[in-house]
Each structure stands twice: as structure tokens, then as C-alpha cells.
Amino acid sequence: MNEMMDILLKRKSTRAYEQKEISPEIKNAILQASLRAPTAGNMMLYSIVDVTDQRVKDRLAVTCDDQPFIAKAPLVWLFLADYQRWQDYFLACGVDEICAAKNEPMRAPAEGDLFLACCDALIAAQNAVIAAESFGVGSCYIGDIMEQYETHKTLFNLPQYVFPICLLCFGYPTDQQKNRAQSERFDQKFVVFENTYHRLEKSEFDEMFSSRHQQMFGKRKGIDGSVNVGQAIYRRKFSAEFTYEMTRSVRLIMKEWGLA
């Protein structure tokens, strides 16, 4: 197996870091890998905010669903789905004037543009994750940055057509994190299909979640009223308070884009 495959297959999220700074050389190498990520139409529909102010990190540790390790991460980057830059460039180039001359409205960024920009930003973020891993630097995605939009909009001075899609924390993993077992992934037969989508049957779900059920429940018949993985995840994740806040916040961002 080649070195890259080894990095990809062994990577796991890191939430505890050694008190060791990431050198400017390694930081720049990770950044250059991000900037070489695949991008729609070579438009680079994303921006990256390097969060160096400890006060901002401390704030994010609270606003991103109370996760203290964010404040302790040596390197924190915010990845933004960004169509504002192109919208401003279009205006700087006089696109509004040529549209007016043709008596047609100037098109504003819409749903497809937002999704495309989110894809661009996340692909760049994943490039950063793998590049960091190659230097022995661990990382953790923080999707909770999509919550608390009003706060994050002010904190980072976000304009209309910018969507805070993910936060990334980087740092050298502690020994405990290095030795921690990887999270199990589903067998590919439940995820990879040929030609058409396949909806799973109850028996397939039972097989798919058998080891996770054993890991979560063991010999116990239930946990806090839940008797299987589906019920537990629904209550702990899908219907948790933070998911309602994330939905509220994302709807507000969509409204900001003029999409709701």
C-alpha cells in the first residue's frame, strides 16, 4: 500500500492536542494544499479565515456547541462558501451596466451557486485535513459553526453571500488520541451501489448496525429509553437542541442570500 493510502485509511478526528505549535513552514504547506483543491470552473468559491486571536477561539469554543478543545487548538481555520467575491467582481467589471443596457435583471447568487460554493469550500478543507495528516498534524471538523449565525456574522464580518460551512481545528495529537481506536465505518455494501440507488430493508439495517448496537448497548436492553441505535441517535443527534439551532441559523443564512 502506498503512503497516501496509508494516511487516508488511518486518519481519525483529533480533539486533544499537545502543547506544540505548528511551524510556519508546515502551516504554509497545508495552506498550499488547500488552495490546489479541485474547484468548480476554477472559480475558487471559498475563503479561509485563519483564526489567530485567542479571544475569538475562546468564543468559538462556546458558540460551536460548547466544545472547549477548540480554544486549545494551535491552528483554527474557518472555511467559507464564498460567492461575495465574484458578485463584487461582477459589479466592479460593470456587469450591472451591461445588464441594464440589455434591459435584463442582473442575476444574483442562488441555490445552485450556494451548493457549489459549499462543495468548493469542503473540498479545500479536506485537502487541508489530508495535508496536515501527512505532517503528523491531527484535525477535527466542526460543523457547529453553522449555528449562531448572528454571532458568527458579526464575529467574522461576514457579508451577504458568504456561508460559514465548517471550522477546522489542527494540532499534534496527544498519545491518548494517537492510541484511540478508529470509529467504525459501515460496510461498503450498504453505501456503494451500482447504477441505481438501493433503499435498505429492515433486515439490512439490522446487519448494518449489528456491531454498532453491540458497541453501544452491550448486554443492556436500553439506554435512556432507547432500545436500538436508531432511537439513540435520533434523540442524541437528530432531534437534539443543537440541530434545531443549526436549522434556524441555516434558514437565516438562506434568507440572507434571498433564498427563503
Protein backbone atom coordinates (compact mmCIF):
# COMPACT_ATOMS: atom_id res chain seq x y z
CA MET A 1 0.00 0.00 0.00
CA ASN A 2 1.37 3.45 -0.86
CA GLU A 3 1.92 6.22 1.70
CA MET A 4 -1.10 8.28 0.66
CA MET A 5 -3.49 5.35 1.06
CA ASP A 6 -2.00 4.65 4.47
CA ILE A 7 -2.68 8.26 5.53
CA LEU A 8 -6.25 8.16 4.22
CA LEU A 9 -7.13 4.84 5.88
CA LYS A 10 -5.57 5.62 9.27
CA ARG A 11 -6.82 9.19 9.69
CA LYS A 12 -9.19 9.91 12.60
CA SER A 13 -10.51 13.04 14.24
CA THR A 14 -8.25 14.64 16.86
CA ARG A 15 -9.79 16.58 19.74
CA ALA A 16 -6.87 16.79 22.19
CA TYR A 17 -3.56 18.37 21.24
CA GLU A 18 0.00 18.54 22.51
CA GLN A 19 1.18 21.96 23.60
CA LYS A 20 3.24 22.27 20.46
CA GLU A 21 2.98 24.94 17.81
CA ILE A 22 2.66 24.12 14.12
CA SER A 23 5.64 25.65 12.32
CA PRO A 24 5.04 28.39 9.72
CA GLU A 25 6.53 26.08 7.08
CA ILE A 26 4.08 23.25 7.78
CA LYS A 27 1.19 25.68 8.13
CA ASN A 28 2.01 27.16 4.73
CA ALA A 29 2.32 23.70 3.16
CA ILE A 30 -1.15 22.79 4.45
CA LEU A 31 -2.50 26.05 3.06
CA GLN A 32 -0.95 25.49 -0.36
CA ALA A 33 -2.54 22.02 -0.49
CA SER A 34 -5.92 23.63 0.28
CA LEU A 35 -5.51 26.18 -2.49
CA ARG A 36 -4.74 23.42 -5.01
CA ALA A 37 -8.03 21.63 -4.28
CA PRO A 38 -10.41 20.86 -7.17
CA THR A 39 -12.77 23.77 -7.73
CA ALA A 40 -15.83 24.41 -9.90
CA GLY A 41 -14.82 26.25 -13.05
CA ASN A 42 -11.52 27.27 -11.40
CA MET A 43 -13.54 29.92 -9.56
CA MET A 44 -12.32 29.01 -6.03
CA LEU A 45 -15.70 29.71 -4.47
CA TYR A 46 -14.37 29.78 -0.92
CA SER A 47 -12.37 31.86 1.53
CA ILE A 48 -10.35 30.78 4.57
CA VAL A 49 -10.12 32.74 7.81
CA ASP A 50 -7.04 31.96 9.91
CA VAL A 51 -8.27 32.42 13.50
CA THR A 52 -5.23 33.55 15.50
CA ASP A 53 -6.94 35.70 18.16
CA GLN A 54 -7.26 33.59 21.33
CA ARG A 55 -10.31 35.58 22.38
CA VAL A 56 -12.06 34.53 19.18
CA LYS A 57 -11.08 30.89 19.72
CA ASP A 58 -12.47 31.11 23.25
CA ARG A 59 -15.71 32.50 21.87
CA LEU A 60 -15.98 29.76 19.23
CA ALA A 61 -15.49 27.11 21.91
CA VAL A 62 -18.80 28.34 23.36
CA THR A 63 -20.80 29.25 20.24
CA CYS A 64 -19.94 25.99 18.45
CA ASP A 65 -21.98 23.85 20.85
CA ASP A 66 -19.65 24.22 23.84
CA GLN A 67 -16.54 22.34 22.72
CA PRO A 68 -13.59 23.52 24.88
CA PHE A 69 -10.92 21.83 22.75
CA ILE A 70 -11.50 24.45 20.03
CA ALA A 71 -9.90 27.07 22.27
CA LYS A 72 -6.86 24.84 22.81
CA ALA A 73 -6.18 24.03 19.16
CA PRO A 74 -2.89 25.52 17.89
CA LEU A 75 -4.43 26.20 14.49
CA VAL A 76 -8.06 27.03 13.70
CA TRP A 77 -9.32 27.76 10.18
CA LEU A 78 -12.80 28.82 9.16
CA PHE A 79 -13.82 27.69 5.66
CA LEU A 80 -16.38 29.91 3.99
CA ALA A 81 -18.51 29.17 0.95
CA ASP A 82 -17.94 32.49 -0.78
CA TYR A 83 -19.83 33.94 -3.72
CA GLN A 84 -19.43 37.50 -2.44
CA ARG A 85 -16.02 37.84 -4.09
CA TRP A 86 -17.40 37.01 -7.54
CA GLN A 87 -20.51 39.13 -7.03
CA ASP A 88 -18.28 42.10 -6.13
CA TYR A 89 -16.06 41.38 -9.12
CA PHE A 90 -19.03 41.25 -11.47
CA LEU A 91 -20.09 44.69 -10.22
CA ALA A 92 -16.53 46.01 -10.47
CA CYS A 93 -16.49 44.82 -14.11
CA GLY A 94 -19.72 46.66 -14.93
CA VAL A 95 -21.90 43.59 -15.36
CA ASP A 96 -24.82 45.52 -13.88
CA GLU A 97 -24.38 48.17 -16.57
CA ILE A 98 -24.41 45.72 -19.49
CA CYS A 99 -27.47 44.01 -17.98
CA ALA A 100 -29.24 47.37 -17.70
CA ALA A 101 -28.31 48.20 -21.29
CA LYS A 102 -29.95 44.97 -22.40
CA ASN A 103 -32.96 45.68 -20.16
CA GLU A 104 -32.47 42.46 -18.22
CA PRO A 105 -32.05 41.97 -14.46
CA MET A 106 -28.59 41.12 -13.14
CA ARG A 107 -28.72 37.63 -11.73
CA ALA A 108 -27.86 37.22 -8.03
CA PRO A 109 -26.27 34.10 -6.48
CA ALA A 110 -28.96 31.44 -5.97
CA GLU A 111 -29.41 27.93 -4.57
CA GLY A 112 -27.16 26.17 -7.07
CA ASP A 113 -24.40 28.72 -6.53
CA LEU A 114 -24.60 28.26 -2.78
CA PHE A 115 -24.34 24.47 -3.03
CA LEU A 116 -21.47 24.72 -5.48
CA ALA A 117 -19.61 27.12 -3.19
CA CYS A 118 -20.18 24.79 -0.23
CA CYS A 119 -18.69 21.93 -2.25
CA ASP A 120 -15.65 24.04 -3.18
CA ALA A 121 -15.05 25.04 0.45
CA LEU A 122 -15.40 21.49 1.79
CA ILE A 123 -13.11 20.03 -0.87
CA ALA A 124 -10.47 22.62 0.05
CA ALA A 125 -10.96 21.78 3.73
CA GLN A 126 -10.46 18.06 3.08
CA ASN A 127 -7.25 18.80 1.19
CA ALA A 128 -6.06 20.63 4.31
CA VAL A 129 -7.00 17.69 6.52
CA ILE A 130 -5.01 15.18 4.46
CA ALA A 131 -2.04 17.51 4.02
CA ALA A 132 -1.96 18.07 7.78
CA GLU A 133 -2.14 14.34 8.43
CA SER A 134 0.92 13.81 6.22
CA PHE A 135 2.89 16.02 8.64
CA GLY A 136 1.59 14.20 11.72
CA VAL A 137 -0.87 17.02 12.47
CA GLY A 138 -4.34 15.88 13.51
CA SER A 139 -7.57 17.68 12.74
CA CYS A 140 -11.26 17.85 13.58
CA TYR A 141 -14.19 19.21 11.60
CA ILE A 142 -16.62 21.47 13.47
CA GLY A 143 -19.94 21.67 11.64
CA ASP A 144 -21.47 23.63 14.52
CA ILE A 145 -20.06 26.82 13.00
CA MET A 146 -23.33 26.86 11.02
CA GLU A 147 -25.12 27.59 14.29
CA GLN A 148 -25.42 31.03 15.90
CA TYR A 149 -25.27 32.85 12.55
CA GLU A 150 -25.89 36.29 14.01
CA THR A 151 -22.93 35.89 16.36
CA HIS A 152 -20.57 34.46 13.75
CA LYS A 153 -21.63 37.01 11.15
CA THR A 154 -20.58 39.80 13.49
CA LEU A 155 -17.50 37.98 14.78
CA PHE A 156 -16.07 37.49 11.28
CA ASN A 157 -17.70 40.42 9.45
CA LEU A 158 -19.46 38.09 7.02
CA PRO A 159 -21.16 39.79 4.04
CA GLN A 160 -24.37 38.64 2.35
CA TYR A 161 -23.11 35.91 0.03
CA VAL A 162 -20.77 34.11 2.43
CA PHE A 163 -21.75 30.90 4.22
CA PRO A 164 -19.69 29.58 7.21
CA ILE A 165 -19.70 25.94 6.19
CA CYS A 166 -17.08 24.41 8.50
CA LEU A 167 -14.44 25.12 11.11
CA LEU A 168 -11.25 23.03 11.23
CA CYS A 169 -9.08 22.58 14.30
CA PHE A 170 -5.49 21.36 13.85
CA GLY A 171 -2.83 20.19 16.28
CA TYR A 172 -0.40 17.42 17.13
CA PRO A 173 -2.42 14.61 18.75
CA THR A 174 -1.72 13.52 22.31
CA ASP A 175 -0.65 9.92 22.93
CA GLN A 176 -4.18 9.13 24.05
CA GLN A 177 -5.55 10.41 20.74
CA LYS A 178 -2.91 8.50 18.76
CA ASN A 179 -3.79 5.24 20.51
CA ARG A 180 -7.55 5.75 20.39
CA ALA A 181 -9.34 3.27 18.14
CA GLN A 182 -10.80 4.50 14.88
CA SER A 183 -14.55 4.86 14.62
CA GLU A 184 -16.14 2.03 12.68
CA ARG A 185 -17.47 2.73 9.20
CA PHE A 186 -20.40 0.96 7.53
CA ASP A 187 -19.63 -1.97 5.23
CA GLN A 188 -19.42 -0.71 1.67
CA LYS A 189 -22.28 -2.93 0.53
CA PHE A 190 -24.65 -0.65 2.42
CA VAL A 191 -23.17 2.51 0.90
CA VAL A 192 -21.90 1.72 -2.60
CA PHE A 193 -24.44 0.76 -5.27
CA GLU A 194 -24.17 0.02 -8.97
CA ASN A 195 -26.07 2.21 -11.43
CA THR A 196 -29.12 2.94 -9.24
CA TYR A 197 -29.87 3.80 -5.63
CA HIS A 198 -30.92 1.00 -3.27
CA ARG A 199 -33.20 1.59 -0.27
CA LEU A 200 -32.31 -0.70 2.61
CA GLU A 201 -34.73 -3.18 4.15
CA LYS A 202 -35.16 -3.77 7.90
CA SER A 203 -33.01 -6.91 7.77
CA GLU A 204 -30.24 -4.97 6.03
CA PHE A 205 -30.38 -2.23 8.66
CA ASP A 206 -30.14 -4.89 11.40
CA GLU A 207 -26.98 -6.26 9.78
CA MET A 208 -25.61 -2.80 9.04
CA PHE A 209 -25.89 -1.68 12.69
CA SER A 210 -25.24 -5.01 14.45
CA SER A 211 -21.69 -4.25 15.61
CA ARG A 212 -22.54 -0.64 16.47
CA HIS A 213 -25.53 -1.85 18.52
CA GLN A 214 -23.25 -4.23 20.40
CA GLN A 215 -20.71 -1.49 20.99
CA MET A 216 -23.33 0.99 22.21
CA PHE A 217 -25.64 -1.28 24.21
CA GLY A 218 -23.63 -4.40 25.05
CA LYS A 219 -25.87 -6.58 27.20
CA ARG A 220 -28.11 -3.70 28.22
CA LYS A 221 -31.64 -3.74 26.85
CA GLY A 222 -31.88 0.03 26.63
CA ILE A 223 -30.27 3.40 27.29
CA ASP A 224 -32.39 6.33 28.48
CA GLY A 225 -35.48 4.86 26.87
CA SER A 226 -33.79 3.92 23.59
CA VAL A 227 -33.59 0.24 22.65
CA ASN A 228 -31.60 0.46 19.41
CA VAL A 229 -29.06 2.64 17.63
CA GLY A 230 -31.66 4.43 15.51
CA GLN A 231 -33.63 5.61 18.54
CA ALA A 232 -30.47 6.61 20.40
CA ILE A 233 -29.02 8.62 17.51
CA TYR A 234 -32.37 10.27 16.80
CA ARG A 235 -32.60 11.50 20.38
CA ARG A 236 -28.91 12.33 20.90
CA LYS A 237 -28.18 13.85 17.49
CA PHE A 238 -31.03 14.34 15.03
CA SER A 239 -33.57 15.85 17.46
CA ALA A 240 -31.05 17.38 19.87
CA GLU A 241 -31.29 21.06 20.75
CA PHE A 242 -28.23 21.98 18.68
CA THR A 243 -29.81 20.59 15.49
CA TYR A 244 -32.81 22.88 15.90
CA GLU A 245 -30.46 25.81 16.37
CA MET A 246 -28.45 24.79 13.29
CA THR A 247 -31.63 24.60 11.21
CA ARG A 248 -32.77 28.01 12.46
CA SER A 249 -29.38 29.52 11.72
CA VAL A 250 -29.05 28.00 8.25
CA ARG A 251 -32.55 29.22 7.35
CA LEU A 252 -31.45 32.69 8.39
CA ILE A 253 -28.36 32.44 6.15
CA MET A 254 -30.55 31.28 3.27
CA LYS A 255 -32.82 34.28 3.86
CA GLU A 256 -29.73 36.48 3.78
CA TRP A 257 -28.97 35.07 0.31
CA GLY A 258 -32.54 35.88 -0.69
CA LEU A 259 -33.43 32.17 -0.93
CA ALA A 260 -36.11 31.92 1.74
